[in-house]
C-alpha atoms as a PDB file:
ATOM      1  CA  UNK A   1     -11.618   4.255  -9.553  1.00  0.00           C
ATOM      2  CA  UNK A   2     -12.534   8.143  -8.532  1.00  0.00           C
ATOM      3  CA  UNK A   3      -9.351   9.967  -9.322  1.00  0.00           C
ATOM      4  CA  UNK A   4      -9.599  13.797  -8.219  1.00  0.00           C
ATOM      5  CA  UNK A   5      -6.857  16.537 -10.128  1.00  0.00           C
ATOM      6  CA  UNK A   6      -5.711  19.599  -9.077  1.00  0.00           C
ATOM      7  CA  UNK A   7      -5.909  21.967 -11.801  1.00  0.00           C
ATOM      8  CA  UNK A   8      -6.037  25.504 -11.641  1.00  0.00           C
ATOM      9  CA  UNK A   9      -5.839  25.735 -15.967  1.00  0.00           C
ATOM     10  CA  UNK A  10      -9.117  25.203 -16.622  1.00  0.00           C
ATOM     11  CA  UNK A  11      -8.731  23.803 -20.325  1.00  0.00           C
ATOM     12  CA  UNK A  12      -5.806  21.660 -19.307  1.00  0.00           C
ATOM     13  CA  UNK A  13      -8.401  20.274 -16.542  1.00  0.00           C
ATOM     14  CA  UNK A  14     -11.098  19.714 -18.763  1.00  0.00           C
ATOM     15  CA  UNK A  15      -8.610  17.873 -20.909  1.00  0.00           C
ATOM     16  CA  UNK A  16      -8.189  15.521 -18.645  1.00  0.00           C
ATOM     17  CA  UNK A  17     -11.064  15.130 -17.063  1.00  0.00           C
ATOM     18  CA  UNK A  18     -12.320  13.754 -20.331  1.00  0.00           C
ATOM     19  CA  UNK A  19      -9.741  11.980 -21.444  1.00  0.00           C
ATOM     20  CA  UNK A  20      -9.609   9.899 -18.260  1.00  0.00           C
ATOM     21  CA  UNK A  21     -13.233   9.678 -18.253  1.00  0.00           C
ATOM     22  CA  UNK A  22     -13.162   8.288 -21.846  1.00  0.00           C
ATOM     23  CA  UNK A  23     -11.241   5.496 -20.246  1.00  0.00           C
ATOM     24  CA  UNK A  24     -13.292   4.941 -17.232  1.00  0.00           C
ATOM     25  CA  UNK A  25     -12.149   6.637 -14.152  1.00  0.00           C
ATOM     26  CA  UNK A  26     -14.552   8.664 -12.492  1.00  0.00           C
ATOM     27  CA  UNK A  27     -13.138  12.665 -12.009  1.00  0.00           C
ATOM     28  CA  UNK A  28     -13.303  15.147  -9.744  1.00  0.00           C
ATOM     29  CA  UNK A  29     -11.526  18.977 -10.619  1.00  0.00           C
ATOM     30  CA  UNK A  30     -10.498  21.521  -7.606  1.00  0.00           C
ATOM     31  CA  UNK A  31      -9.443  25.001  -9.090  1.00  0.00           C
ATOM     32  CA  UNK A  32      -6.928  25.576  -7.025  1.00  0.00           C
ATOM     33  CA  UNK A  33      -5.013  24.104  -4.022  1.00  0.00           C
ATOM     34  CA  UNK A  34      -7.564  24.855  -1.222  1.00  0.00           C
ATOM     35  CA  UNK A  35      -9.902  23.248  -2.982  1.00  0.00           C
ATOM     36  CA  UNK A  36      -8.379  20.220  -3.147  1.00  0.00           C
ATOM     37  CA  UNK A  37      -7.594  20.119   0.060  1.00  0.00           C
ATOM     38  CA  UNK A  38     -10.569  20.410   0.945  1.00  0.00           C
ATOM     39  CA  UNK A  39     -12.033  17.378  -1.137  1.00  0.00           C
ATOM     40  CA  UNK A  40      -8.611  15.017  -0.717  1.00  0.00           C
ATOM     41  CA  UNK A  41      -9.343  15.018   2.775  1.00  0.00           C
ATOM     42  CA  UNK A  42     -13.184  14.569   3.256  1.00  0.00           C
ATOM     43  CA  UNK A  43     -13.850  12.130   0.108  1.00  0.00           C
ATOM     44  CA  UNK A  44     -11.729   8.961  -0.090  1.00  0.00           C
ATOM     45  CA  UNK A  45      -9.858   8.694  -3.987  1.00  0.00           C
ATOM     46  CA  UNK A  46      -7.810   6.273  -5.702  1.00  0.00           C
ATOM     47  CA  UNK A  47      -5.345   8.099  -6.788  1.00  0.00           C
ATOM     48  CA  UNK A  48      -4.679  12.409  -6.315  1.00  0.00           C
ATOM     49  CA  UNK A  49      -3.506  13.911  -9.692  1.00  0.00           C
ATOM     50  CA  UNK A  50      -1.933  17.569  -8.197  1.00  0.00           C
ATOM     51  CA  UNK A  51      -0.411  20.425  -9.956  1.00  0.00           C
ATOM     52  CA  UNK A  52       2.551  22.455  -8.305  1.00  0.00           C
ATOM     53  CA  UNK A  53       1.430  25.735  -9.393  1.00  0.00           C
ATOM     54  CA  UNK A  54      -1.668  26.799  -8.118  1.00  0.00           C
ATOM     55  CA  UNK A  55      -3.227  28.928  -6.101  1.00  0.00           C
ATOM     56  CA  UNK A  56      -3.856  29.507  -2.373  1.00  0.00           C
ATOM     57  CA  UNK A  57      -2.028  26.672  -1.499  1.00  0.00           C
ATOM     58  CA  UNK A  58       0.920  25.202  -3.843  1.00  0.00           C
ATOM     59  CA  UNK A  59       1.121  21.885  -5.088  1.00  0.00           C
ATOM     60  CA  UNK A  60       4.604  20.544  -2.418  1.00  0.00           C
ATOM     61  CA  UNK A  61       2.441  22.081   0.260  1.00  0.00           C
ATOM     62  CA  UNK A  62      -0.902  20.444  -0.666  1.00  0.00           C
ATOM     63  CA  UNK A  63       1.283  16.981  -1.508  1.00  0.00           C
ATOM     64  CA  UNK A  64       2.374  17.344   2.724  1.00  0.00           C
ATOM     65  CA  UNK A  65      -0.666  18.060   4.288  1.00  0.00           C
ATOM     66  CA  UNK A  66      -2.690  15.033   2.452  1.00  0.00           C
ATOM     67  CA  UNK A  67       0.106  12.997   3.234  1.00  0.00           C
ATOM     68  CA  UNK A  68      -0.382  13.709   7.008  1.00  0.00           C
ATOM     69  CA  UNK A  69      -4.114  12.817   7.032  1.00  0.00           C
ATOM     70  CA  UNK A  70      -3.699  10.208   4.205  1.00  0.00           C
ATOM     71  CA  UNK A  71      -0.327   8.422   3.985  1.00  0.00           C
ATOM     72  CA  UNK A  72      -1.664   5.469   1.359  1.00  0.00           C
ATOM     73  CA  UNK A  73      -3.156   7.552  -1.194  1.00  0.00           C
ATOM     74  CA  UNK A  74      -1.219   7.264  -4.507  1.00  0.00           C
ATOM     75  CA  UNK A  75       0.044  10.962  -5.688  1.00  0.00           C
ATOM     76  CA  UNK A  76       1.411  12.232  -9.131  1.00  0.00           C
ATOM     77  CA  UNK A  77       2.674  15.178  -9.919  1.00  0.00           C
ATOM     78  CA  UNK A  78       1.430  16.795 -13.433  1.00  0.00           C
ATOM     79  CA  UNK A  79       3.395  19.663 -13.861  1.00  0.00           C
ATOM     80  CA  UNK A  80       5.448  22.335 -16.283  1.00  0.00           C
ATOM     81  CA  UNK A  81       8.423  22.490 -13.457  1.00  0.00           C
ATOM     82  CA  UNK A  82      10.767  19.617 -14.868  1.00  0.00           C
ATOM     83  CA  UNK A  83      14.028  20.200 -14.031  1.00  0.00           C
ATOM     84  CA  UNK A  84      16.047  17.556 -11.152  1.00  0.00           C
ATOM     85  CA  UNK A  85      15.509  19.898  -8.493  1.00  0.00           C
ATOM     86  CA  UNK A  86      12.013  20.528  -8.836  1.00  0.00           C
ATOM     87  CA  UNK A  87      11.026  16.439  -9.205  1.00  0.00           C
ATOM     88  CA  UNK A  88      13.587  16.150  -5.506  1.00  0.00           C
ATOM     89  CA  UNK A  89      10.840  18.705  -4.268  1.00  0.00           C
ATOM     90  CA  UNK A  90       7.841  17.109  -5.675  1.00  0.00           C
ATOM     91  CA  UNK A  91       8.827  13.270  -4.132  1.00  0.00           C
ATOM     92  CA  UNK A  92      10.359  15.372  -1.076  1.00  0.00           C
ATOM     93  CA  UNK A  93       7.083  16.610  -0.340  1.00  0.00           C
ATOM     94  CA  UNK A  94       5.317  13.025  -0.365  1.00  0.00           C
ATOM     95  CA  UNK A  95       4.443  12.344  -3.958  1.00  0.00           C
ATOM     96  CA  UNK A  96       5.149   8.810  -6.045  1.00  0.00           C
ATOM     97  CA  UNK A  97       5.542   9.844  -9.474  1.00  0.00           C
ATOM     98  CA  UNK A  98       6.031  13.119 -10.974  1.00  0.00           C
ATOM     99  CA  UNK A  99       5.452  13.379 -15.188  1.00  0.00           C
ATOM    100  CA  UNK A 100       6.067  16.929 -16.797  1.00  0.00           C
ATOM    101  CA  UNK A 101       3.930  18.425 -19.064  1.00  0.00           C
ATOM    102  CA  UNK A 102       3.671  18.105 -22.351  1.00  0.00           C
ATOM    103  CA  UNK A 103       3.119  14.643 -21.885  1.00  0.00           C
ATOM    104  CA  UNK A 104       1.598  11.983 -23.975  1.00  0.00           C
ATOM    105  CA  UNK A 105      -2.043  10.872 -22.722  1.00  0.00           C
ATOM    106  CA  UNK A 106      -1.293   7.535 -22.974  1.00  0.00           C
ATOM    107  CA  UNK A 107       1.789   8.474 -20.837  1.00  0.00           C
ATOM    108  CA  UNK A 108      -0.496   9.457 -18.371  1.00  0.00           C
ATOM    109  CA  UNK A 109      -3.131   6.078 -18.580  1.00  0.00           C
ATOM    110  CA  UNK A 110       0.117   3.938 -17.771  1.00  0.00           C
ATOM    111  CA  UNK A 111       1.380   6.065 -14.957  1.00  0.00           C
ATOM    112  CA  UNK A 112      -2.170   5.725 -13.432  1.00  0.00           C
ATOM    113  CA  UNK A 113      -2.397   2.133 -13.951  1.00  0.00           C
ATOM    114  CA  UNK A 114       0.998   1.339 -12.101  1.00  0.00           C
ATOM    115  CA  UNK A 115       0.218   3.922  -9.402  1.00  0.00           C
ATOM    116  CA  UNK A 116      -3.190   1.679  -8.434  1.00  0.00           C
ATOM    117  CA  UNK A 117      -1.638  -1.446  -8.737  1.00  0.00           C
ATOM    118  CA  UNK A 118       1.377  -0.319  -6.415  1.00  0.00           C
ATOM    119  CA  UNK A 119      -1.289   0.423  -4.121  1.00  0.00           C
ATOM    120  CA  UNK A 120      -3.356  -2.534  -4.664  1.00  0.00           C
ATOM    121  CA  UNK A 121      -1.143  -4.524  -3.512  1.00  0.00           C
ATOM    122  CA  UNK A 122       0.284  -3.015  -0.570  1.00  0.00           C
ATOM    123  CA  UNK A 123      -1.883  -5.702   1.696  1.00  0.00           C
ATOM    124  CA  UNK A 124       0.070  -8.921   0.263  1.00  0.00           C
ATOM    125  CA  UNK A 125       3.851  -7.208   0.759  1.00  0.00           C
ATOM    126  CA  UNK A 126       5.605  -6.698   4.118  1.00  0.00           C
ATOM    127  CA  UNK A 127       4.132  -4.566   6.237  1.00  0.00           C
ATOM    128  CA  UNK A 128       7.369  -4.660   8.340  1.00  0.00           C
ATOM    129  CA  UNK A 129      10.910  -4.704   7.254  1.00  0.00           C
ATOM    130  CA  UNK A 130      13.953  -5.782   9.211  1.00  0.00           C
ATOM    131  CA  UNK A 131      17.978  -5.448   8.809  1.00  0.00           C
ATOM    132  CA  UNK A 132      20.037  -6.378  12.008  1.00  0.00           C
ATOM    133  CA  UNK A 133      17.923  -3.915  15.031  1.00  0.00           C
ATOM    134  CA  UNK A 134      16.624  -1.470  12.182  1.00  0.00           C
ATOM    135  CA  UNK A 135      12.993  -1.839  11.285  1.00  0.00           C
ATOM    136  CA  UNK A 136      10.849   0.159   8.664  1.00  0.00           C
ATOM    137  CA  UNK A 137       7.116   0.626   8.763  1.00  0.00           C
ATOM    138  CA  UNK A 138       5.608   0.442   5.029  1.00  0.00           C
ATOM    139  CA  UNK A 139       2.459   0.455   6.452  1.00  0.00           C
ATOM    140  CA  UNK A 140       3.216   3.489   8.962  1.00  0.00           C
ATOM    141  CA  UNK A 141       5.493   5.367   7.434  1.00  0.00           C
ATOM    142  CA  UNK A 142       8.251   5.429  10.384  1.00  0.00           C
ATOM    143  CA  UNK A 143      12.055   3.664  11.226  1.00  0.00           C
ATOM    144  CA  UNK A 144      13.111   2.497  13.934  1.00  0.00           C
ATOM    145  CA  UNK A 145      16.713   1.630  15.297  1.00  0.00           C
ATOM    146  CA  UNK A 146      17.029  -0.184  18.062  1.00  0.00           C
ATOM    147  CA  UNK A 147      15.269   1.973  20.635  1.00  0.00           C
ATOM    148  CA  UNK A 148      15.812   5.001  18.956  1.00  0.00           C
ATOM    149  CA  UNK A 149      13.101   6.767  16.491  1.00  0.00           C
ATOM    150  CA  UNK A 150      14.557   7.866  12.810  1.00  0.00           C
ATOM    151  CA  UNK A 151      12.780  11.017  11.145  1.00  0.00           C
ATOM    152  CA  UNK A 152      12.986  11.015   7.469  1.00  0.00           C
ATOM    153  CA  UNK A 153      11.029  12.729   4.646  1.00  0.00           C
ATOM    154  CA  UNK A 154       9.422  10.926   1.877  1.00  0.00           C
ATOM    155  CA  UNK A 155      12.061  10.323  -0.812  1.00  0.00           C
ATOM    156  CA  UNK A 156      14.661   9.159   2.261  1.00  0.00           C
ATOM    157  CA  UNK A 157      12.072   6.992   3.203  1.00  0.00           C
ATOM    158  CA  UNK A 158      11.782   5.440  -0.525  1.00  0.00           C
ATOM    159  CA  UNK A 159      15.375   5.228  -0.607  1.00  0.00           C
ATOM    160  CA  UNK A 160      15.484   3.208   2.895  1.00  0.00           C
ATOM    161  CA  UNK A 161      12.814   0.878   1.466  1.00  0.00           C
ATOM    162  CA  UNK A 162      14.983   0.308  -1.553  1.00  0.00           C
ATOM    163  CA  UNK A 163      18.208  -0.715  -0.096  1.00  0.00           C
ATOM    164  CA  UNK A 164      16.414  -3.029   2.941  1.00  0.00           C
ATOM    165  CA  UNK A 165      14.569  -4.240   0.498  1.00  0.00           C
ATOM    166  CA  UNK A 166      17.352  -5.823  -1.582  1.00  0.00           C
ATOM    167  CA  UNK A 167      19.549  -6.139   1.974  1.00  0.00           C
ATOM    168  CA  UNK A 168      23.329  -7.679   0.238  1.00  0.00           C
ATOM    169  CA  UNK A 169      22.516  -6.400  -3.348  1.00  0.00           C
ATOM    170  CA  UNK A 170      25.484  -3.933  -4.213  1.00  0.00           C
ATOM    171  CA  UNK A 171      23.059  -1.309  -6.212  1.00  0.00           C
ATOM    172  CA  UNK A 172      24.855   1.416  -8.417  1.00  0.00           C
ATOM    173  CA  UNK A 173      23.312   4.624  -8.577  1.00  0.00           C
ATOM    174  CA  UNK A 174      21.856   4.890 -11.726  1.00  0.00           C
ATOM    175  CA  UNK A 175      19.828   1.963 -10.096  1.00  0.00           C
ATOM    176  CA  UNK A 176      18.949   4.374  -7.818  1.00  0.00           C
ATOM    177  CA  UNK A 177      18.378   7.400  -9.504  1.00  0.00           C
ATOM    178  CA  UNK A 178      15.980   5.613 -11.734  1.00  0.00           C
ATOM    179  CA  UNK A 179      13.896   3.349  -9.089  1.00  0.00           C
ATOM    180  CA  UNK A 180      14.107   6.219  -6.139  1.00  0.00           C
ATOM    181  CA  UNK A 181      13.946   9.664  -8.389  1.00  0.00           C
ATOM    182  CA  UNK A 182      12.312   7.282 -11.697  1.00  0.00           C
ATOM    183  CA  UNK A 183      15.255  10.452 -13.155  1.00  0.00           C
ATOM    184  CA  UNK A 184      18.166   8.823 -15.338  1.00  0.00           C
ATOM    185  CA  UNK A 185      21.078   8.940 -13.346  1.00  0.00           C
ATOM    186  CA  UNK A 186      23.054  11.873 -14.458  1.00  0.00           C
ATOM    187  CA  UNK A 187      27.338  12.024 -13.820  1.00  0.00           C
ATOM    188  CA  UNK A 188      27.252  15.249 -12.915  1.00  0.00           C
ATOM    189  CA  UNK A 189      24.711  14.751 -10.417  1.00  0.00           C
ATOM    190  CA  UNK A 190      25.037  14.145  -6.689  1.00  0.00           C
ATOM    191  CA  UNK A 191      21.611  13.899  -5.322  1.00  0.00           C
ATOM    192  CA  UNK A 192      21.800   9.726  -5.110  1.00  0.00           C
ATOM    193  CA  UNK A 193      25.325  10.510  -2.933  1.00  0.00           C
ATOM    194  CA  UNK A 194      23.489  13.446  -1.131  1.00  0.00           C
ATOM    195  CA  UNK A 195      20.847  11.492   0.183  1.00  0.00           C
ATOM    196  CA  UNK A 196      22.951   8.057   1.287  1.00  0.00           C
ATOM    197  CA  UNK A 197      25.154  10.842   3.856  1.00  0.00           C
ATOM    198  CA  UNK A 198      21.345  11.658   5.019  1.00  0.00           C
ATOM    199  CA  UNK A 199      20.581   8.365   5.530  1.00  0.00           C
ATOM    200  CA  UNK A 200      24.347   7.371   6.729  1.00  0.00           C
ATOM    201  CA  UNK A 201      24.064  10.029   9.684  1.00  0.00           C
ATOM    202  CA  UNK A 202      20.226   9.348  10.255  1.00  0.00           C
ATOM    203  CA  UNK A 203      20.819   5.695  10.935  1.00  0.00           C
ATOM    204  CA  UNK A 204      24.602   4.828  10.829  1.00  0.00           C
ATOM    205  CA  UNK A 205      26.196   7.528  13.517  1.00  0.00           C
ATOM    206  CA  UNK A 206      25.046   6.891  17.070  1.00  0.00           C
ATOM    207  CA  UNK A 207      25.855   2.625  15.988  1.00  0.00           C
ATOM    208  CA  UNK A 208      28.246   0.906  16.228  1.00  0.00           C
ATOM    209  CA  UNK A 209      27.469  -1.651  14.059  1.00  0.00           C
ATOM    210  CA  UNK A 210      26.765   0.298  10.419  1.00  0.00           C
ATOM    211  CA  UNK A 211      24.717  -0.459   7.683  1.00  0.00           C
ATOM    212  CA  UNK A 212      25.019   1.150   4.561  1.00  0.00           C
ATOM    213  CA  UNK A 213      28.789   0.631   2.760  1.00  0.00           C
ATOM    214  CA  UNK A 214      30.282   1.923  -0.050  1.00  0.00           C
ATOM    215  CA  UNK A 215      31.383  -0.269  -2.659  1.00  0.00           C
ATOM    216  CA  UNK A 216      33.604   1.640  -4.392  1.00  0.00           C
ATOM    217  CA  UNK A 217      33.584   1.982  -8.212  1.00  0.00           C
ATOM    218  CA  UNK A 218      30.389   0.357  -7.994  1.00  0.00           C
ATOM    219  CA  UNK A 219      27.550   1.637  -5.706  1.00  0.00           C
ATOM    220  CA  UNK A 220      25.992   0.834  -2.112  1.00  0.00           C
ATOM    221  CA  UNK A 221      24.663  -1.747  -0.548  1.00  0.00           C
ATOM    222  CA  UNK A 222      22.335  -2.100   3.156  1.00  0.00           C
ATOM    223  CA  UNK A 223      23.998  -5.419   4.480  1.00  0.00           C
ATOM    224  CA  UNK A 224      24.358  -6.343   8.541  1.00  0.00           C
ATOM    225  CA  UNK A 225      27.798  -8.114   8.033  1.00  0.00           C
END
């Protein structure tokens, strides 16, 4: 397994590289965003570990650029920026997971194994999800309803994928927050409601049949009935 670590702090980069190599991974290190972009696009890696605060190109922008050219490579953001807004920005830029420094190295290894398992299982899952006239292409990362193409951010796409894979099930805000954002739902946070409303505008506004429904006091469901 080949991993690219993009980290500008030499001691941190060496710590991560040494730990990963001791666990059997092949590791390359880039010390700024520009070098990270060049290596990520030129070589094939099984997973990318990106810091956010980087020289030349920050981790958010770097993630977006890589995601445009390599939409399927697993990306884990590894950073000291740990607020909910930081995490949402990371996911919206295209990251698959987000781990806050300082961290237990065993947790990093567990996150890497989970991402690797998820990525190697891509070919064994349906590449297109369908509900009524709504289609979600998991390979091309594209959404379409009827004849209309729908532009989605990375996190909007993940939310829609989760809803479609659980068609007909009522999903609580806590379920959605945990599975889509990997965060514990805080009743003072309205991020789930905000993103549901964004999806509603993009998916349902121009169509008579509404697919996203609210179950008051319970959560949300995507259904064609």
